[in-house]
Amino acid sequence: MDKPEELVMVLAEAKADAIISRLQSDRQLDGDAPATLLVTADTVVVYEGIVREKPSSKEEAWKFIKGYSGGQAEVIGSVLVTNLKTGKRKGGWRRAEVYFHVIPEEVIHSLIEEGITLNVAGGLMLEHPLISPFVEAVIGTTDTVMGLPKELTEKLIQEAV
């Protein structure tokens, strides 16, 4: 996979496939069921051309956040809507750029100790009260950065129905 957009769509598709497989094995998908939509999404952060998912350790989380300090990162969020009745799938992705002021080391330390950064793509949680004061600008939408681009999701739901 050459592009982060392709990777993030594959991740959303893999989640959808796993959920559908589970529903089928549990016999929860029956032919007479009303139309049901499954919405899956995934997010990656691209920093200096490298795709970042969730940090694997506190050390990696520190490296990630320290790198954003005074710099910028790109966030790519994908959404896949699957109509479980028809099998029809609609997917897409959105990008957002996040520019940061310098993030003090004590703030990075507090974020790492809290542990939340280990659970989010790129260790980046824009809305966190410790990090939000150091966000200089977002080019794109904050809901893309937070993991579910609203406008895209609404569009794909309409297309899948």
Protein backbone atom coordinates (compact mmCIF):
# COMPACT_ATOMS: atom_id res chain seq x y z
CA MET A 1 0.00 0.00 0.00
CA ASP A 2 1.56 3.22 -1.16
CA LYS A 3 -0.84 5.80 0.24
CA PRO A 4 -2.08 6.40 3.79
CA GLU A 5 -5.61 6.84 2.38
CA GLU A 6 -5.52 3.26 1.08
CA LEU A 7 -4.25 1.95 4.42
CA VAL A 8 -6.92 3.70 6.47
CA MET A 9 -9.67 2.39 4.16
CA VAL A 10 -8.30 -1.16 4.43
CA LEU A 11 -8.36 -0.82 8.23
CA ALA A 12 -12.02 0.29 8.19
CA GLU A 13 -12.90 -2.56 5.81
CA ALA A 14 -11.14 -5.11 8.02
CA LYS A 15 -13.16 -3.92 11.01
CA ALA A 16 -16.39 -4.21 9.01
CA ASP A 17 -15.50 -7.69 7.75
CA ALA A 18 -14.69 -8.88 11.28
CA ILE A 19 -17.97 -7.54 12.67
CA ILE A 20 -20.02 -9.02 9.81
CA SER A 21 -18.28 -12.37 10.22
CA ARG A 22 -19.13 -12.35 13.92
CA LEU A 23 -22.75 -11.42 13.26
CA GLN A 24 -23.03 -14.22 10.69
CA SER A 25 -21.50 -16.81 13.00
CA ASP A 26 -23.88 -15.72 15.77
CA ARG A 27 -26.74 -15.97 13.23
CA GLN A 28 -27.74 -12.38 13.88
CA LEU A 29 -27.95 -11.54 10.17
CA ASP A 30 -31.11 -13.11 8.90
CA GLY A 31 -32.68 -12.45 5.53
CA ASP A 32 -35.90 -11.11 7.04
CA ALA A 33 -34.18 -8.56 9.25
CA PRO A 34 -34.88 -4.88 8.58
CA ALA A 35 -32.17 -2.89 6.80
CA THR A 36 -29.32 -2.24 9.18
CA LEU A 37 -26.28 -0.08 8.56
CA LEU A 38 -22.87 -0.88 9.98
CA VAL A 39 -20.57 2.14 10.24
CA THR A 40 -16.86 1.47 10.72
CA ALA A 41 -14.06 3.99 10.79
CA ASP A 42 -10.36 4.28 11.36
CA THR A 43 -7.81 7.04 11.66
CA VAL A 44 -4.09 7.35 11.10
CA VAL A 45 -1.70 10.21 11.63
CA VAL A 46 0.97 11.02 9.05
CA TYR A 47 4.06 12.76 10.39
CA GLU A 48 7.00 13.53 8.12
CA GLY A 49 5.66 11.03 5.59
CA ILE A 50 5.38 8.17 8.12
CA VAL A 51 2.03 6.61 9.03
CA ARG A 52 1.44 6.47 12.77
CA GLU A 53 -1.19 4.36 14.43
CA LYS A 54 -1.52 3.95 18.22
CA PRO A 55 1.81 4.23 20.04
CA SER A 56 3.07 0.85 21.24
CA SER A 57 4.72 2.22 24.38
CA LYS A 58 5.06 5.29 26.57
CA GLU A 59 8.43 5.96 24.94
CA GLU A 60 6.89 5.92 21.48
CA ALA A 61 4.02 8.16 22.65
CA TRP A 62 6.61 10.63 24.01
CA LYS A 63 8.46 10.62 20.68
CA PHE A 64 5.24 11.17 18.75
CA ILE A 65 4.00 14.11 20.83
CA LYS A 66 7.44 15.70 21.13
CA GLY A 67 7.65 15.59 17.33
CA TYR A 68 4.37 17.48 16.95
CA SER A 69 5.59 20.22 19.31
CA GLY A 70 6.02 23.38 17.25
CA GLY A 71 5.22 21.42 14.09
CA GLN A 72 2.32 19.79 12.29
CA ALA A 73 0.75 16.45 11.57
CA GLU A 74 -1.77 15.25 9.06
CA VAL A 75 -4.74 13.14 10.10
CA ILE A 76 -6.55 10.85 7.69
CA GLY A 77 -9.88 9.42 8.76
CA SER A 78 -11.85 6.81 6.86
CA VAL A 79 -15.48 5.78 7.09
CA LEU A 80 -17.12 2.70 5.61
CA VAL A 81 -20.89 2.22 5.68
CA THR A 82 -22.18 -1.28 4.96
CA ASN A 83 -25.83 -1.99 4.36
CA LEU A 84 -26.16 -5.40 6.04
CA LYS A 85 -29.37 -6.21 4.15
CA THR A 86 -28.07 -5.52 0.62
CA GLY A 87 -24.31 -5.87 1.15
CA LYS A 88 -23.82 -2.45 -0.46
CA ARG A 89 -20.72 -0.62 0.83
CA LYS A 90 -19.83 3.03 0.54
CA GLY A 91 -16.56 4.40 1.85
CA GLY A 92 -14.40 7.46 1.78
CA TRP A 93 -11.78 9.42 3.65
CA ARG A 94 -11.00 12.95 4.75
CA ARG A 95 -7.77 14.75 5.65
CA ALA A 96 -7.05 17.41 8.22
CA GLU A 97 -3.81 19.15 9.13
CA VAL A 98 -3.07 20.08 12.72
CA TYR A 99 -0.49 22.77 13.57
CA PHE A 100 0.90 22.95 17.08
CA HIS A 101 2.55 25.54 19.27
CA VAL A 102 5.49 24.29 21.31
CA ILE A 103 4.19 21.71 23.80
CA PRO A 104 6.00 21.91 27.16
CA GLU A 105 7.67 18.70 28.31
CA GLU A 106 5.68 18.70 31.56
CA VAL A 107 2.46 18.64 29.52
CA ILE A 108 3.79 15.73 27.44
CA HIS A 109 4.76 13.93 30.64
CA SER A 110 1.27 14.42 32.13
CA LEU A 111 -0.38 13.13 28.95
CA ILE A 112 1.84 10.05 28.90
CA GLU A 113 1.26 9.29 32.59
CA GLU A 114 -2.49 9.58 32.08
CA GLY A 115 -2.17 6.79 29.50
CA ILE A 116 -4.83 8.06 27.09
CA THR A 117 -2.29 8.74 24.32
CA LEU A 118 -1.61 5.00 24.02
CA ASN A 119 -5.20 4.47 22.84
CA VAL A 120 -5.38 6.93 19.95
CA ALA A 121 -3.84 7.17 16.50
CA GLY A 122 -0.49 8.90 16.59
CA GLY A 123 -0.89 9.51 20.33
CA LEU A 124 -2.84 12.57 19.24
CA MET A 125 -6.01 13.65 21.04
CA LEU A 126 -6.86 17.14 19.86
CA GLU A 127 -9.75 17.68 22.27
CA HIS A 128 -7.82 16.70 25.40
CA PRO A 129 -7.75 19.67 27.83
CA LEU A 130 -3.98 19.38 28.27
CA ILE A 131 -3.27 19.48 24.53
CA SER A 132 -6.00 21.77 23.15
CA PRO A 133 -4.28 25.00 24.33
CA PHE A 134 -1.28 24.05 22.16
CA VAL A 135 -3.25 23.54 18.96
CA GLU A 136 -2.43 26.50 16.77
CA ALA A 137 -4.74 25.66 13.84
CA VAL A 138 -6.69 22.88 12.20
CA ILE A 139 -7.02 22.90 8.43
CA GLY A 140 -9.98 20.63 7.75
CA THR A 141 -12.52 19.58 10.33
CA THR A 142 -11.94 18.71 13.96
CA ASP A 143 -14.37 15.78 13.65
CA THR A 144 -11.95 14.26 11.11
CA VAL A 145 -9.16 14.54 13.67
CA MET A 146 -11.41 13.09 16.37
CA GLY A 147 -12.10 10.00 14.25
CA LEU A 148 -15.45 10.35 12.49
CA PRO A 149 -15.92 13.01 9.79
CA LYS A 150 -19.60 13.89 10.24
CA GLU A 151 -20.34 15.27 6.76
CA LEU A 152 -18.69 12.29 5.07
CA THR A 153 -20.50 9.81 7.33
CA GLU A 154 -23.89 11.39 6.60
CA LYS A 155 -23.19 11.32 2.85
CA LEU A 156 -22.13 7.67 2.89
CA ILE A 157 -25.18 6.66 4.95
CA GLN A 158 -27.45 8.27 2.36
CA GLU A 159 -25.60 6.46 -0.45
CA ALA A 160 -25.73 3.08 1.31
CA VAL A 161 -29.47 3.28 1.93
